[in-house]
C-alpha atoms as a PDB file:
ATOM      1  CA  MET A   1      73.805  47.381 100.907  1.00  0.00           C
ATOM      2  CA  THR A   2      74.235  49.863 104.126  1.00  0.00           C
ATOM      3  CA  TYR A   3      70.940  52.015 105.070  1.00  0.00           C
ATOM      4  CA  THR A   4      73.075  55.393 103.950  1.00  0.00           C
ATOM      5  CA  MET A   5      73.182  53.454 100.759  1.00  0.00           C
ATOM      6  CA  ARG A   6      69.828  52.571 100.246  1.00  0.00           C
ATOM      7  CA  ARG A   7      68.433  56.250 100.852  1.00  0.00           C
ATOM      8  CA  PHE A   8      70.978  57.981  98.458  1.00  0.00           C
ATOM      9  CA  LEU A   9      69.654  54.726  95.935  1.00  0.00           C
ATOM     10  CA  ALA A  10      65.821  56.004  96.614  1.00  0.00           C
ATOM     11  CA  LYS A  11      66.533  59.702  96.875  1.00  0.00           C
ATOM     12  CA  SER A  12      68.206  58.846  93.205  1.00  0.00           C
ATOM     13  CA  ILE A  13      65.282  57.056  91.593  1.00  0.00           C
ATOM     14  CA  CYS A  14      62.718  59.921  93.153  1.00  0.00           C
ATOM     15  CA  ALA A  15      64.574  62.501  91.249  1.00  0.00           C
ATOM     16  CA  LEU A  16      64.724  60.405  88.326  1.00  0.00           C
ATOM     17  CA  ALA A  17      60.493  59.650  88.041  1.00  0.00           C
ATOM     18  CA  ALA A  18      60.279  63.203  88.857  1.00  0.00           C
ATOM     19  CA  ALA A  19      62.378  64.653  86.159  1.00  0.00           C
ATOM     20  CA  PHE A  20      61.171  62.008  83.911  1.00  0.00           C
ATOM     21  CA  LEU A  21      57.673  62.841  84.788  1.00  0.00           C
ATOM     22  CA  ALA A  22      58.354  66.648  84.310  1.00  0.00           C
ATOM     23  CA  ALA A  23      60.123  65.876  80.861  1.00  0.00           C
ATOM     24  CA  CYS A  24      56.894  64.276  79.682  1.00  0.00           C
ATOM     25  CA  ALA A  25      54.898  66.877  80.913  1.00  0.00           C
ATOM     26  CA  THR A  26      56.680  69.555  79.001  1.00  0.00           C
ATOM     27  CA  SER A  27      57.575  67.183  75.333  1.00  0.00           C
ATOM     28  CA  TYR A  28      54.679  69.080  73.785  1.00  0.00           C
ATOM     29  CA  PRO A  29      54.269  72.960  73.174  1.00  0.00           C
ATOM     30  CA  PRO A  30      51.949  74.695  75.020  1.00  0.00           C
ATOM     31  CA  ALA A  31      48.506  74.666  73.186  1.00  0.00           C
ATOM     32  CA  PRO A  32      47.450  78.144  71.707  1.00  0.00           C
ATOM     33  CA  ALA A  33      45.021  79.671  73.937  1.00  0.00           C
ATOM     34  CA  ASN A  34      43.312  80.873  70.560  1.00  0.00           C
ATOM     35  CA  ALA A  35      42.463  78.508  68.316  1.00  0.00           C
ATOM     36  CA  GLY A  36      41.925  80.943  65.197  1.00  0.00           C
ATOM     37  CA  VAL A  37      38.093  79.299  64.493  1.00  0.00           C
ATOM     38  CA  SER A  38      36.486  82.245  62.989  1.00  0.00           C
ATOM     39  CA  GLU A  39      33.798  81.248  60.916  1.00  0.00           C
ATOM     40  CA  TYR A  40      32.890  77.895  61.988  1.00  0.00           C
ATOM     41  CA  ARG A  41      29.835  76.752  59.847  1.00  0.00           C
ATOM     42  CA  TYR A  42      28.378  73.300  61.238  1.00  0.00           C
ATOM     43  CA  THR A  43      27.995  70.719  59.073  1.00  0.00           C
ATOM     44  CA  ILE A  44      25.395  67.912  59.389  1.00  0.00           C
ATOM     45  CA  GLY A  45      26.464  64.278  60.412  1.00  0.00           C
ATOM     46  CA  PRO A  46      25.329  60.858  61.107  1.00  0.00           C
ATOM     47  CA  GLY A  47      23.159  60.443  64.409  1.00  0.00           C
ATOM     48  CA  ASP A  48      21.729  64.257  63.856  1.00  0.00           C
ATOM     49  CA  VAL A  49      18.275  64.869  63.881  1.00  0.00           C
ATOM     50  CA  LEU A  50      16.684  67.462  61.303  1.00  0.00           C
ATOM     51  CA  ASN A  51      13.186  69.222  61.555  1.00  0.00           C
ATOM     52  CA  ILE A  52      12.665  69.731  57.659  1.00  0.00           C
ATOM     53  CA  VAL A  53       9.770  72.497  56.952  1.00  0.00           C
ATOM     54  CA  VAL A  54       8.342  72.549  53.655  1.00  0.00           C
ATOM     55  CA  PHE A  55       6.162  76.031  53.454  1.00  0.00           C
ATOM     56  CA  ARG A  56       2.150  75.706  53.064  1.00  0.00           C
ATOM     57  CA  ASN A  57       2.919  71.646  52.579  1.00  0.00           C
ATOM     58  CA  PRO A  58       2.595  70.516  56.460  1.00  0.00           C
ATOM     59  CA  GLU A  59       2.024  66.957  55.039  1.00  0.00           C
ATOM     60  CA  LEU A  60       5.556  67.157  53.618  1.00  0.00           C
ATOM     61  CA  SER A  61       6.887  68.651  56.626  1.00  0.00           C
ATOM     62  CA  ALA A  62       8.840  65.743  59.108  1.00  0.00           C
ATOM     63  CA  THR A  63      11.518  65.185  61.617  1.00  0.00           C
ATOM     64  CA  VAL A  64      14.223  62.858  60.390  1.00  0.00           C
ATOM     65  CA  PRO A  65      17.398  61.521  61.502  1.00  0.00           C
ATOM     66  CA  VAL A  66      20.572  61.196  59.564  1.00  0.00           C
ATOM     67  CA  ARG A  67      21.235  57.554  58.984  1.00  0.00           C
ATOM     68  CA  PRO A  68      24.458  56.320  59.534  1.00  0.00           C
ATOM     69  CA  ASP A  69      25.459  56.036  55.896  1.00  0.00           C
ATOM     70  CA  GLY A  70      24.913  59.993  55.906  1.00  0.00           C
ATOM     71  CA  ARG A  71      21.312  59.743  53.743  1.00  0.00           C
ATOM     72  CA  ILE A  72      18.018  61.168  54.600  1.00  0.00           C
ATOM     73  CA  ALA A  73      14.674  59.461  53.496  1.00  0.00           C
ATOM     74  CA  ALA A  74      11.557  62.309  54.075  1.00  0.00           C
ATOM     75  CA  PRO A  75       7.914  62.538  52.098  1.00  0.00           C
ATOM     76  CA  LEU A  76       8.845  62.632  48.429  1.00  0.00           C
ATOM     77  CA  VAL A  77      12.279  62.578  49.170  1.00  0.00           C
ATOM     78  CA  ASP A  78      14.222  58.837  49.130  1.00  0.00           C
ATOM     79  CA  ASP A  79      17.984  58.343  50.375  1.00  0.00           C
ATOM     80  CA  LEU A  80      19.228  62.088  49.406  1.00  0.00           C
ATOM     81  CA  PRO A  81      22.965  62.971  51.014  1.00  0.00           C
ATOM     82  CA  ALA A  82      22.850  64.789  53.970  1.00  0.00           C
ATOM     83  CA  ILE A  83      26.230  64.340  55.651  1.00  0.00           C
ATOM     84  CA  GLY A  84      28.846  67.188  55.380  1.00  0.00           C
ATOM     85  CA  LYS A  85      26.557  69.612  54.333  1.00  0.00           C
ATOM     86  CA  ASP A  86      25.168  72.845  56.032  1.00  0.00           C
ATOM     87  CA  PRO A  87      21.294  73.054  56.964  1.00  0.00           C
ATOM     88  CA  THR A  88      20.698  75.936  54.318  1.00  0.00           C
ATOM     89  CA  THR A  89      22.491  73.825  51.562  1.00  0.00           C
ATOM     90  CA  LEU A  90      20.314  70.684  52.364  1.00  0.00           C
ATOM     91  CA  ALA A  91      17.577  72.716  52.240  1.00  0.00           C
ATOM     92  CA  ARG A  92      18.026  73.974  48.380  1.00  0.00           C
ATOM     93  CA  ASP A  93      18.621  70.183  47.888  1.00  0.00           C
ATOM     94  CA  ILE A  94      15.158  68.970  49.246  1.00  0.00           C
ATOM     95  CA  GLU A  95      13.684  72.001  47.303  1.00  0.00           C
ATOM     96  CA  LYS A  96      15.201  70.534  44.019  1.00  0.00           C
ATOM     97  CA  ALA A  97      13.877  67.280  44.955  1.00  0.00           C
ATOM     98  CA  LEU A  98      10.253  68.094  45.894  1.00  0.00           C
ATOM     99  CA  ALA A  99      10.568  70.811  42.696  1.00  0.00           C
ATOM    100  CA  LYS A 100       9.140  67.323  40.463  1.00  0.00           C
ATOM    101  CA  TYR A 101       6.006  67.038  42.568  1.00  0.00           C
ATOM    102  CA  ILE A 102       4.868  70.317  43.523  1.00  0.00           C
ATOM    103  CA  ARG A 103       5.731  73.937  42.362  1.00  0.00           C
ATOM    104  CA  ASP A 104       8.028  76.520  44.159  1.00  0.00           C
ATOM    105  CA  PRO A 105       8.180  74.382  47.425  1.00  0.00           C
ATOM    106  CA  VAL A 106      10.313  76.667  50.103  1.00  0.00           C
ATOM    107  CA  VAL A 107      11.979  74.380  52.700  1.00  0.00           C
ATOM    108  CA  SER A 108      13.567  75.175  55.816  1.00  0.00           C
ATOM    109  CA  VAL A 109      15.822  73.009  57.913  1.00  0.00           C
ATOM    110  CA  VAL A 110      16.604  72.922  61.686  1.00  0.00           C
ATOM    111  CA  VAL A 111      19.014  70.773  63.178  1.00  0.00           C
ATOM    112  CA  THR A 112      17.575  69.928  66.548  1.00  0.00           C
ATOM    113  CA  THR A 113      19.885  67.464  67.729  1.00  0.00           C
ATOM    114  CA  PHE A 114      23.650  67.601  67.242  1.00  0.00           C
ATOM    115  CA  ALA A 115      26.351  64.908  66.828  1.00  0.00           C
ATOM    116  CA  GLY A 116      28.146  66.373  63.424  1.00  0.00           C
ATOM    117  CA  THR A 117      30.277  65.138  60.951  1.00  0.00           C
ATOM    118  CA  TYR A 118      33.171  62.327  62.401  1.00  0.00           C
ATOM    119  CA  SER A 119      35.657  64.768  61.314  1.00  0.00           C
ATOM    120  CA  GLU A 120      34.862  68.183  63.359  1.00  0.00           C
ATOM    121  CA  GLN A 121      33.785  65.617  66.722  1.00  0.00           C
ATOM    122  CA  ILE A 122      35.770  66.250  69.559  1.00  0.00           C
ATOM    123  CA  ARG A 123      37.095  63.427  71.212  1.00  0.00           C
ATOM    124  CA  VAL A 124      38.172  62.572  75.111  1.00  0.00           C
ATOM    125  CA  VAL A 125      40.322  59.960  75.995  1.00  0.00           C
ATOM    126  CA  GLY A 126      42.266  58.214  78.724  1.00  0.00           C
ATOM    127  CA  GLU A 127      41.598  59.217  82.130  1.00  0.00           C
ATOM    128  CA  ALA A 128      38.468  61.511  81.952  1.00  0.00           C
ATOM    129  CA  THR A 129      35.693  60.775  84.450  1.00  0.00           C
ATOM    130  CA  ARG A 130      33.397  59.887  80.873  1.00  0.00           C
ATOM    131  CA  PRO A 131      35.483  59.417  78.462  1.00  0.00           C
ATOM    132  CA  GLN A 132      32.887  60.465  74.954  1.00  0.00           C
ATOM    133  CA  VAL A 133      32.692  62.110  71.429  1.00  0.00           C
ATOM    134  CA  LEU A 134      31.467  65.331  71.566  1.00  0.00           C
ATOM    135  CA  PRO A 135      29.893  67.846  68.628  1.00  0.00           C
ATOM    136  CA  PHE A 136      32.443  70.624  68.075  1.00  0.00           C
ATOM    137  CA  ARG A 137      30.106  74.292  68.971  1.00  0.00           C
ATOM    138  CA  GLN A 138      31.958  77.950  68.457  1.00  0.00           C
ATOM    139  CA  LYS A 139      34.414  79.163  70.651  1.00  0.00           C
ATOM    140  CA  MET A 140      34.198  75.890  72.478  1.00  0.00           C
ATOM    141  CA  THR A 141      36.685  75.778  75.409  1.00  0.00           C
ATOM    142  CA  LEU A 142      38.890  73.003  77.170  1.00  0.00           C
ATOM    143  CA  LEU A 143      36.353  74.038  80.265  1.00  0.00           C
ATOM    144  CA  ASP A 144      33.794  73.153  78.529  1.00  0.00           C
ATOM    145  CA  VAL A 145      34.810  69.964  77.235  1.00  0.00           C
ATOM    146  CA  MET A 146      36.141  68.310  80.907  1.00  0.00           C
ATOM    147  CA  ILE A 147      32.656  70.001  82.289  1.00  0.00           C
ATOM    148  CA  ALA A 148      30.721  67.481  79.907  1.00  0.00           C
ATOM    149  CA  VAL A 149      33.176  64.622  80.623  1.00  0.00           C
ATOM    150  CA  GLY A 150      32.798  65.257  84.392  1.00  0.00           C
ATOM    151  CA  GLY A 151      36.396  66.221  84.904  1.00  0.00           C
ATOM    152  CA  ILE A 152      39.238  63.819  85.239  1.00  0.00           C
ATOM    153  CA  THR A 153      39.927  60.697  87.587  1.00  0.00           C
ATOM    154  CA  ASP A 154      41.982  60.477  90.933  1.00  0.00           C
ATOM    155  CA  PHE A 155      44.662  58.393  88.703  1.00  0.00           C
ATOM    156  CA  ALA A 156      44.567  61.145  86.036  1.00  0.00           C
ATOM    157  CA  ASP A 157      47.765  63.302  85.517  1.00  0.00           C
ATOM    158  CA  GLY A 158      46.024  66.353  84.507  1.00  0.00           C
ATOM    159  CA  ASN A 159      49.169  68.260  83.571  1.00  0.00           C
ATOM    160  CA  GLY A 160      50.389  65.845  81.712  1.00  0.00           C
ATOM    161  CA  ALA A 161      47.424  66.321  78.878  1.00  0.00           C
ATOM    162  CA  SER A 162      47.758  66.938  75.638  1.00  0.00           C
ATOM    163  CA  ILE A 163      45.660  67.928  72.127  1.00  0.00           C
ATOM    164  CA  LEU A 164      46.107  65.934  69.349  1.00  0.00           C
ATOM    165  CA  ARG A 165      45.268  68.431  67.004  1.00  0.00           C
ATOM    166  CA  THR A 166      43.787  66.744  63.658  1.00  0.00           C
ATOM    167  CA  GLY A 167      42.902  69.889  61.899  1.00  0.00           C
ATOM    168  CA  GLU A 168      47.089  70.622  61.947  1.00  0.00           C
ATOM    169  CA  GLY A 169      48.156  67.881  60.523  1.00  0.00           C
ATOM    170  CA  ASN A 170      48.100  65.638  63.886  1.00  0.00           C
ATOM    171  CA  LYS A 171      50.329  68.513  66.151  1.00  0.00           C
ATOM    172  CA  GLN A 172      50.411  67.562  69.098  1.00  0.00           C
ATOM    173  CA  TYR A 173      50.219  69.957  72.058  1.00  0.00           C
ATOM    174  CA  SER A 174      50.685  70.052  75.881  1.00  0.00           C
ATOM    175  CA  VAL A 175      47.255  71.475  78.598  1.00  0.00           C
ATOM    176  CA  ARG A 176      46.849  71.946  82.150  1.00  0.00           C
ATOM    177  CA  ILE A 177      44.016  70.353  82.920  1.00  0.00           C
ATOM    178  CA  ARG A 178      44.539  69.999  86.907  1.00  0.00           C
ATOM    179  CA  ASP A 179      45.875  73.645  87.229  1.00  0.00           C
ATOM    180  CA  LEU A 180      42.165  74.124  85.147  1.00  0.00           C
ATOM    181  CA  ILE A 181      39.795  72.541  87.284  1.00  0.00           C
ATOM    182  CA  LYS A 182      41.420  71.590  90.348  1.00  0.00           C
ATOM    183  CA  ARG A 183      42.928  74.793  91.355  1.00  0.00           C
ATOM    184  CA  GLY A 184      40.807  76.920  88.840  1.00  0.00           C
ATOM    185  CA  ASP A 185      43.746  78.374  86.729  1.00  0.00           C
ATOM    186  CA  VAL A 186      42.067  80.292  84.212  1.00  0.00           C
ATOM    187  CA  SER A 187      44.930  80.937  82.149  1.00  0.00           C
ATOM    188  CA  ALA A 188      45.132  76.864  81.189  1.00  0.00           C
ATOM    189  CA  ASN A 189      41.855  77.442  79.181  1.00  0.00           C
ATOM    190  CA  VAL A 190      42.663  76.945  75.625  1.00  0.00           C
ATOM    191  CA  GLU A 191      40.125  77.308  72.990  1.00  0.00           C
ATOM    192  CA  MET A 192      39.411  73.944  70.801  1.00  0.00           C
ATOM    193  CA  ARG A 193      39.199  73.075  67.129  1.00  0.00           C
ATOM    194  CA  PRO A 194      37.117  70.732  64.848  1.00  0.00           C
ATOM    195  CA  GLY A 195      38.449  67.476  65.607  1.00  0.00           C
ATOM    196  CA  ASP A 196      40.520  67.600  68.653  1.00  0.00           C
ATOM    197  CA  VAL A 197      41.274  64.849  70.801  1.00  0.00           C
ATOM    198  CA  VAL A 198      42.198  65.318  74.497  1.00  0.00           C
ATOM    199  CA  ILE A 199      44.587  63.032  75.493  1.00  0.00           C
ATOM    200  CA  ILE A 200      44.496  62.233  79.285  1.00  0.00           C
ATOM    201  CA  PRO A 201      47.209  59.436  80.389  1.00  0.00           C
ATOM    202  CA  GLN A 202      47.505  57.970  83.707  1.00  0.00           C
ATOM    203  CA  GLY A 203      49.557  59.644  86.667  1.00  0.00           C
ATOM    204  CA  TRP A 204      52.982  57.928  88.160  1.00  0.00           C
ATOM    205  CA  PHE A 205      52.032  57.302  91.926  1.00  0.00           C
END
């Protein structure tokens, strides 16, 4: 094979590779800037820590964890389901349980450590610096997520990343993480939805 042919072949391979990568990067529609989450209410999940306060009954007040089975145990309250409830609903359930022992209990529940239900957690996989699971927060954005995981690795194809949106039947959207965190392009920032999975592939070098 002559030198000219080798150069032509090398250029052709590079062009095909570039076209392939471009096609991969645009194979999903861009993620919408607004995720449409308007009235989100936090629901309790395994791993949360709850501060239960029983008015005028400090001996019944306690700070308790939500067990892996989604239940809690507190003074005079055994194995009460907590997972999937908001704090106000759980407080009313505790009041009902305590009503067997004290008159007209008044209970408040405050979440002090957040994990959230598994179905609402944000997951980051692939070439993030610290892939992990994050609790969803109202108005959480892709930039918030990337700051929490420490950005992307040197091997990441940030602009080839995508969001798998479980709340929309596993629909997938493309996102431009490298433009967002390396170039400060705020137009690449998008809102997250509960249950989103951020997938960051490895780049081709």
